[in-house]
PDB file of N, CA and C in Angstrom:
ATOM      1  N   MET A   1     -13.529  24.262  19.420  1.00  0.00           N
ATOM      2  CA  MET A   1     -13.261  22.893  20.096  1.00  0.00           C
ATOM      3  C   MET A   1     -14.592  21.750  20.037  1.00  0.00           C
ATOM      4  N   ARG A   2     -15.553  22.967  20.382  1.00  0.00           N
ATOM      5  CA  ARG A   2     -16.424  21.723  20.689  1.00  0.00           C
ATOM      6  C   ARG A   2     -16.998  21.466  19.326  1.00  0.00           C
ATOM      7  N   HIS A   3     -16.890  21.863  18.505  1.00  0.00           N
ATOM      8  CA  HIS A   3     -17.372  21.246  17.161  1.00  0.00           C
ATOM      9  C   HIS A   3     -16.298  20.940  16.221  1.00  0.00           C
ATOM     10  N   GLU A   4     -15.577  20.186  16.627  1.00  0.00           N
ATOM     11  CA  GLU A   4     -14.241  19.868  16.502  1.00  0.00           C
ATOM     12  C   GLU A   4     -15.080  17.960  16.982  1.00  0.00           C
ATOM     13  N   LEU A   5     -15.406  17.938  18.225  1.00  0.00           N
ATOM     14  CA  LEU A   5     -16.560  16.505  18.384  1.00  0.00           C
ATOM     15  C   LEU A   5     -16.927  16.305  17.924  1.00  0.00           C
ATOM     16  N   PHE A   6     -18.027  17.510  16.941  1.00  0.00           N
ATOM     17  CA  PHE A   6     -19.028  16.495  16.373  1.00  0.00           C
ATOM     18  C   PHE A   6     -18.368  16.585  14.804  1.00  0.00           C
ATOM     19  N   PHE A   7     -17.951  17.239  14.188  1.00  0.00           N
ATOM     20  CA  PHE A   7     -17.360  16.530  13.120  1.00  0.00           C
ATOM     21  C   PHE A   7     -16.596  15.730  13.062  1.00  0.00           C
ATOM     22  N   ASP A   8     -15.865  15.280  13.926  1.00  0.00           N
ATOM     23  CA  ASP A   8     -14.083  14.349  14.303  1.00  0.00           C
ATOM     24  C   ASP A   8     -14.730  12.520  13.789  1.00  0.00           C
ATOM     25  N   ARG A   9     -16.385  12.508  14.190  1.00  0.00           N
ATOM     26  CA  ARG A   9     -16.380  11.672  14.212  1.00  0.00           C
ATOM     27  C   ARG A   9     -17.089  10.718  12.864  1.00  0.00           C
ATOM     28  N   PHE A  10     -17.193  12.391  11.642  1.00  0.00           N
ATOM     29  CA  PHE A  10     -17.714  11.427  10.777  1.00  0.00           C
ATOM     30  C   PHE A  10     -17.194  12.069   9.504  1.00  0.00           C
ATOM     31  N   ALA A  11     -16.613  13.021   9.395  1.00  0.00           N
ATOM     32  CA  ALA A  11     -15.771  14.213   8.460  1.00  0.00           C
ATOM     33  C   ALA A  11     -14.408  14.570   8.620  1.00  0.00           C
ATOM     34  N   GLU A  12     -13.313  14.592   7.319  1.00  0.00           N
ATOM     35  CA  GLU A  12     -12.205  14.190   7.542  1.00  0.00           C
ATOM     36  C   GLU A  12     -11.870  15.903   7.749  1.00  0.00           C
ATOM     37  N   LYS A  13     -11.234  16.233   8.481  1.00  0.00           N
ATOM     38  CA  LYS A  13     -10.355  17.497   8.637  1.00  0.00           C
ATOM     39  C   LYS A  13      -9.557  17.788   7.616  1.00  0.00           C
ATOM     40  N   THR A  14      -9.195  18.580   6.858  1.00  0.00           N
ATOM     41  CA  THR A  14      -8.683  19.801   6.107  1.00  0.00           C
ATOM     42  C   THR A  14      -7.626  20.351   6.277  1.00  0.00           C
ATOM     43  N   VAL A  15      -7.570  20.777   6.951  1.00  0.00           N
ATOM     44  CA  VAL A  15      -7.108  22.509   7.999  1.00  0.00           C
ATOM     45  C   VAL A  15      -7.437  22.341   9.445  1.00  0.00           C
ATOM     46  N   ASP A  16      -5.897  21.847  10.111  1.00  0.00           N
ATOM     47  CA  ASP A  16      -6.226  22.188  11.556  1.00  0.00           C
ATOM     48  C   ASP A  16      -5.142  22.871  12.149  1.00  0.00           C
ATOM     49  N   ASP A  17      -5.603  24.183  12.144  1.00  0.00           N
ATOM     50  CA  ASP A  17      -4.255  24.684  12.725  1.00  0.00           C
ATOM     51  C   ASP A  17      -5.365  25.568  14.543  1.00  0.00           C
ATOM     52  N   LYS A  18      -4.080  26.546  14.884  1.00  0.00           N
ATOM     53  CA  LYS A  18      -4.767  27.180  16.281  1.00  0.00           C
ATOM     54  C   LYS A  18      -6.108  28.024  16.091  1.00  0.00           C
ATOM     55  N   GLU A  19      -6.284  28.697  15.021  1.00  0.00           N
ATOM     56  CA  GLU A  19      -7.381  29.560  14.599  1.00  0.00           C
ATOM     57  C   GLU A  19      -8.138  29.058  13.837  1.00  0.00           C
ATOM     58  N   VAL A  20      -8.349  28.047  13.312  1.00  0.00           N
ATOM     59  CA  VAL A  20      -9.613  26.931  12.241  1.00  0.00           C
ATOM     60  C   VAL A  20      -9.378  25.572  12.314  1.00  0.00           C
ATOM     61  N   SER A  21     -10.265  25.302  11.933  1.00  0.00           N
ATOM     62  CA  SER A  21     -10.570  24.087  11.152  1.00  0.00           C
ATOM     63  C   SER A  21     -11.391  23.943  10.528  1.00  0.00           C
ATOM     64  N   VAL A  22     -10.934  23.330   9.220  1.00  0.00           N
ATOM     65  CA  VAL A  22     -12.140  22.638   8.314  1.00  0.00           C
ATOM     66  C   VAL A  22     -12.305  21.333   8.030  1.00  0.00           C
ATOM     67  N   TYR A  23     -13.671  21.485   7.793  1.00  0.00           N
ATOM     68  CA  TYR A  23     -13.856  19.364   7.474  1.00  0.00           C
ATOM     69  C   TYR A  23     -14.302  19.475   6.331  1.00  0.00           C
ATOM     70  N   LYS A  24     -14.312  18.015   5.255  1.00  0.00           N
ATOM     71  CA  LYS A  24     -14.872  18.109   4.054  1.00  0.00           C
ATOM     72  C   LYS A  24     -16.119  17.352   4.670  1.00  0.00           C
ATOM     73  N   LEU A  25     -17.077  18.150   3.860  1.00  0.00           N
ATOM     74  CA  LEU A  25     -18.525  17.152   4.182  1.00  0.00           C
ATOM     75  C   LEU A  25     -19.078  16.729   2.734  1.00  0.00           C
ATOM     76  N   ASP A  26     -18.362  15.564   2.259  1.00  0.00           N
ATOM     77  CA  ASP A  26     -19.218  15.204   1.601  1.00  0.00           C
ATOM     78  C   ASP A  26     -19.920  14.122   1.188  1.00  0.00           C
ATOM     79  N   PHE A  27     -20.227  13.108   0.257  1.00  0.00           N
ATOM     80  CA  PHE A  27     -21.155  11.992   0.479  1.00  0.00           C
ATOM     81  C   PHE A  27     -19.927  11.003   1.472  1.00  0.00           C
ATOM     82  N   THR A  28     -18.941  10.725   1.546  1.00  0.00           N
ATOM     83  CA  THR A  28     -17.998   9.727   2.161  1.00  0.00           C
ATOM     84  C   THR A  28     -18.664   9.999   3.812  1.00  0.00           C
ATOM     85  N   ALA A  29     -18.257  11.166   3.973  1.00  0.00           N
ATOM     86  CA  ALA A  29     -18.614  11.929   5.224  1.00  0.00           C
ATOM     87  C   ALA A  29     -20.039  11.539   5.678  1.00  0.00           C
ATOM     88  N   MET A  30     -21.062  11.780   4.717  1.00  0.00           N
ATOM     89  CA  MET A  30     -22.532  11.402   5.369  1.00  0.00           C
ATOM     90  C   MET A  30     -22.879  10.478   5.328  1.00  0.00           C
ATOM     91  N   ALA A  31     -21.948   9.487   4.184  1.00  0.00           N
ATOM     92  CA  ALA A  31     -22.756   8.193   4.540  1.00  0.00           C
ATOM     93  C   ALA A  31     -22.292   7.321   5.392  1.00  0.00           C
ATOM     94  N   LYS A  32     -21.050   7.691   6.437  1.00  0.00           N
ATOM     95  CA  LYS A  32     -20.001   7.384   7.544  1.00  0.00           C
ATOM     96  C   LYS A  32     -21.101   8.167   8.874  1.00  0.00           C
ATOM     97  N   ALA A  33     -21.699   9.102   8.535  1.00  0.00           N
ATOM     98  CA  ALA A  33     -22.371   9.969   9.800  1.00  0.00           C
ATOM     99  C   ALA A  33     -23.807   8.813   9.870  1.00  0.00           C
ATOM    100  N   LEU A  34     -24.133   8.423   8.770  1.00  0.00           N
ATOM    101  CA  LEU A  34     -25.270   7.838   8.664  1.00  0.00           C
ATOM    102  C   LEU A  34     -25.053   6.366   9.305  1.00  0.00           C
ATOM    103  N   THR A  35     -23.910   5.211   9.192  1.00  0.00           N
ATOM    104  CA  THR A  35     -23.461   4.522   9.879  1.00  0.00           C
ATOM    105  C   THR A  35     -23.613   4.673  11.172  1.00  0.00           C
ATOM    106  N   ILE A  36     -23.284   5.731  11.735  1.00  0.00           N
ATOM    107  CA  ILE A  36     -23.257   6.100  13.430  1.00  0.00           C
ATOM    108  C   ILE A  36     -24.637   6.765  13.969  1.00  0.00           C
ATOM    109  N   GLY A  37     -25.733   6.753  13.095  1.00  0.00           N
ATOM    110  CA  GLY A  37     -26.702   6.660  13.544  1.00  0.00           C
ATOM    111  C   GLY A  37     -26.681   8.626  13.561  1.00  0.00           C
ATOM    112  N   LEU A  38     -26.045   9.336  12.885  1.00  0.00           N
ATOM    113  CA  LEU A  38     -26.771  10.520  12.331  1.00  0.00           C
ATOM    114  C   LEU A  38     -27.145  10.675  11.195  1.00  0.00           C
ATOM    115  N   SER A  39     -28.194  11.484  11.696  1.00  0.00           N
ATOM    116  CA  SER A  39     -28.836  11.783  10.148  1.00  0.00           C
ATOM    117  C   SER A  39     -28.502  13.189   9.342  1.00  0.00           C
ATOM    118  N   ILE A  40     -28.638  13.376   7.987  1.00  0.00           N
ATOM    119  CA  ILE A  40     -28.281  14.551   7.161  1.00  0.00           C
ATOM    120  C   ILE A  40     -29.028  15.693   7.722  1.00  0.00           C
ATOM    121  N   HIS A  41     -30.142  15.304   7.773  1.00  0.00           N
ATOM    122  CA  HIS A  41     -30.944  16.469   8.917  1.00  0.00           C
ATOM    123  C   HIS A  41     -30.445  17.263   9.996  1.00  0.00           C
ATOM    124  N   GLU A  42     -29.557  16.313  11.188  1.00  0.00           N
ATOM    125  CA  GLU A  42     -28.917  16.737  12.080  1.00  0.00           C
ATOM    126  C   GLU A  42     -27.503  17.363  11.546  1.00  0.00           C
ATOM    127  N   ILE A  43     -27.019  17.022  11.140  1.00  0.00           N
ATOM    128  CA  ILE A  43     -25.828  17.794  10.524  1.00  0.00           C
ATOM    129  C   ILE A  43     -26.090  19.295   9.712  1.00  0.00           C
ATOM    130  N   ASN A  44     -27.090  19.215   9.145  1.00  0.00           N
ATOM    131  CA  ASN A  44     -27.486  20.606   8.357  1.00  0.00           C
ATOM    132  C   ASN A  44     -28.281  21.481   9.569  1.00  0.00           C
ATOM    133  N   SER A  45     -28.340  21.171  10.131  1.00  0.00           N
ATOM    134  CA  SER A  45     -29.594  21.705  11.662  1.00  0.00           C
ATOM    135  C   SER A  45     -28.129  21.805  12.385  1.00  0.00           C
ATOM    136  N   TYR A  46     -26.895  21.466  12.544  1.00  0.00           N
ATOM    137  CA  TYR A  46     -26.161  21.911  13.610  1.00  0.00           C
ATOM    138  C   TYR A  46     -25.227  23.202  13.212  1.00  0.00           C
ATOM    139  N   CYS A  47     -24.680  22.473  11.603  1.00  0.00           N
ATOM    140  CA  CYS A  47     -24.222  23.408  10.747  1.00  0.00           C
ATOM    141  C   CYS A  47     -25.417  25.168  10.706  1.00  0.00           C
ATOM    142  N   GLU A  48     -26.565  25.477  10.757  1.00  0.00           N
ATOM    143  CA  GLU A  48     -27.292  26.363  10.370  1.00  0.00           C
ATOM    144  C   GLU A  48     -26.817  26.673  11.840  1.00  0.00           C
ATOM    145  N   ALA A  49     -27.178  25.902  13.184  1.00  0.00           N
ATOM    146  CA  ALA A  49     -27.248  26.953  14.197  1.00  0.00           C
ATOM    147  C   ALA A  49     -25.664  27.452  14.604  1.00  0.00           C
ATOM    148  N   PHE A  50     -25.230  26.834  14.551  1.00  0.00           N
ATOM    149  CA  PHE A  50     -24.030  27.418  14.854  1.00  0.00           C
ATOM    150  C   PHE A  50     -23.022  28.395  13.170  1.00  0.00           C
ATOM    151  N   SER A  51     -23.302  28.401  13.060  1.00  0.00           N
ATOM    152  CA  SER A  51     -22.344  29.578  11.712  1.00  0.00           C
ATOM    153  C   SER A  51     -23.074  31.061  11.836  1.00  0.00           C
ATOM    154  N   ASN A  52     -22.053  31.855  11.384  1.00  0.00           N
ATOM    155  CA  ASN A  52     -22.488  32.873  12.006  1.00  0.00           C
ATOM    156  C   ASN A  52     -22.884  33.543  10.927  1.00  0.00           C
ATOM    157  N   VAL A  53     -23.089  32.603   9.603  1.00  0.00           N
ATOM    158  CA  VAL A  53     -24.114  34.117   8.642  1.00  0.00           C
ATOM    159  C   VAL A  53     -24.385  32.672   8.005  1.00  0.00           C
ATOM    160  N   PRO A  54     -25.420  32.827   6.896  1.00  0.00           N
ATOM    161  CA  PRO A  54     -26.642  31.673   5.940  1.00  0.00           C
ATOM    162  C   PRO A  54     -25.796  30.658   5.514  1.00  0.00           C
ATOM    163  N   LEU A  55     -25.790  29.472   5.524  1.00  0.00           N
ATOM    164  CA  LEU A  55     -25.234  28.482   4.885  1.00  0.00           C
ATOM    165  C   LEU A  55     -25.089  28.763   3.292  1.00  0.00           C
ATOM    166  N   PRO A  56     -24.317  28.847   3.105  1.00  0.00           N
ATOM    167  CA  PRO A  56     -24.480  28.536   1.245  1.00  0.00           C
ATOM    168  C   PRO A  56     -25.087  28.458   0.189  1.00  0.00           C
ATOM    169  N   ASP A  57     -25.397  28.537  -1.025  1.00  0.00           N
ATOM    170  CA  ASP A  57     -27.024  27.755  -1.319  1.00  0.00           C
ATOM    171  C   ASP A  57     -26.673  26.516  -1.672  1.00  0.00           C
ATOM    172  N   ASN A  58     -24.838  25.985  -2.083  1.00  0.00           N
ATOM    173  CA  ASN A  58     -24.728  24.736  -2.704  1.00  0.00           C
ATOM    174  C   ASN A  58     -24.466  23.803  -2.026  1.00  0.00           C
ATOM    175  N   VAL A  59     -24.287  24.553  -0.230  1.00  0.00           N
ATOM    176  CA  VAL A  59     -24.647  23.530   0.769  1.00  0.00           C
ATOM    177  C   VAL A  59     -25.906  23.591   1.059  1.00  0.00           C
ATOM    178  N   LYS A  60     -26.506  24.510   1.035  1.00  0.00           N
ATOM    179  CA  LYS A  60     -28.134  23.457   1.519  1.00  0.00           C
ATOM    180  C   LYS A  60     -28.449  22.900   0.413  1.00  0.00           C
ATOM    181  N   HIS A  61     -28.287  23.245  -0.471  1.00  0.00           N
ATOM    182  CA  HIS A  61     -28.693  22.031  -1.943  1.00  0.00           C
ATOM    183  C   HIS A  61     -28.270  20.796  -1.873  1.00  0.00           C
ATOM    184  N   ALA A  62     -26.762  20.837  -1.098  1.00  0.00           N
ATOM    185  CA  ALA A  62     -25.958  19.115  -1.113  1.00  0.00           C
ATOM    186  C   ALA A  62     -26.734  18.430  -0.118  1.00  0.00           C
ATOM    187  N   PHE A  63     -27.322  19.111   0.961  1.00  0.00           N
ATOM    188  CA  PHE A  63     -27.582  18.769   2.141  1.00  0.00           C
ATOM    189  C   PHE A  63     -29.230  17.919   1.715  1.00  0.00           C
ATOM    190  N   LEU A  64     -29.866  19.309   1.133  1.00  0.00           N
ATOM    191  CA  LEU A  64     -31.146  18.332   0.575  1.00  0.00           C
ATOM    192  C   LEU A  64     -31.081  17.124  -0.317  1.00  0.00           C
ATOM    193  N   GLU A  65     -30.221  16.917  -1.176  1.00  0.00           N
ATOM    194  CA  GLU A  65     -30.082  16.225  -2.045  1.00  0.00           C
ATOM    195  C   GLU A  65     -29.374  14.849  -1.328  1.00  0.00           C
ATOM    196  N   TRP A  66     -28.808  14.977  -0.114  1.00  0.00           N
ATOM    197  CA  TRP A  66     -27.981  13.875   0.162  1.00  0.00           C
ATOM    198  C   TRP A  66     -29.068  13.260   1.468  1.00  0.00           C
ATOM    199  N   GLU A  67     -30.110  14.266   1.545  1.00  0.00           N
ATOM    200  CA  GLU A  67     -31.346  13.574   2.466  1.00  0.00           C
ATOM    201  C   GLU A  67     -32.276  12.666   1.756  1.00  0.00           C
ATOM    202  N   VAL A  68     -32.175  12.867   0.498  1.00  0.00           N
ATOM    203  CA  VAL A  68     -33.026  11.951  -0.340  1.00  0.00           C
ATOM    204  C   VAL A  68     -33.072   9.996  -0.410  1.00  0.00           C
TER     205      VAL A  68
END
């Protein structure tokens, strides 16, 4: 639930059931995050901090592209 509070501010929820919520982290979500004062770096750091596994390379690459 605490992660929903973070992602609901800027990302579209694509799956919402009792056990898992999935958010779409795309360009539109990143643009919205920037407009509310969140940086791409903050989102990347949040994902890394709370992930049980390393972020996939494509996700890391996308964050790097969006930061530029």
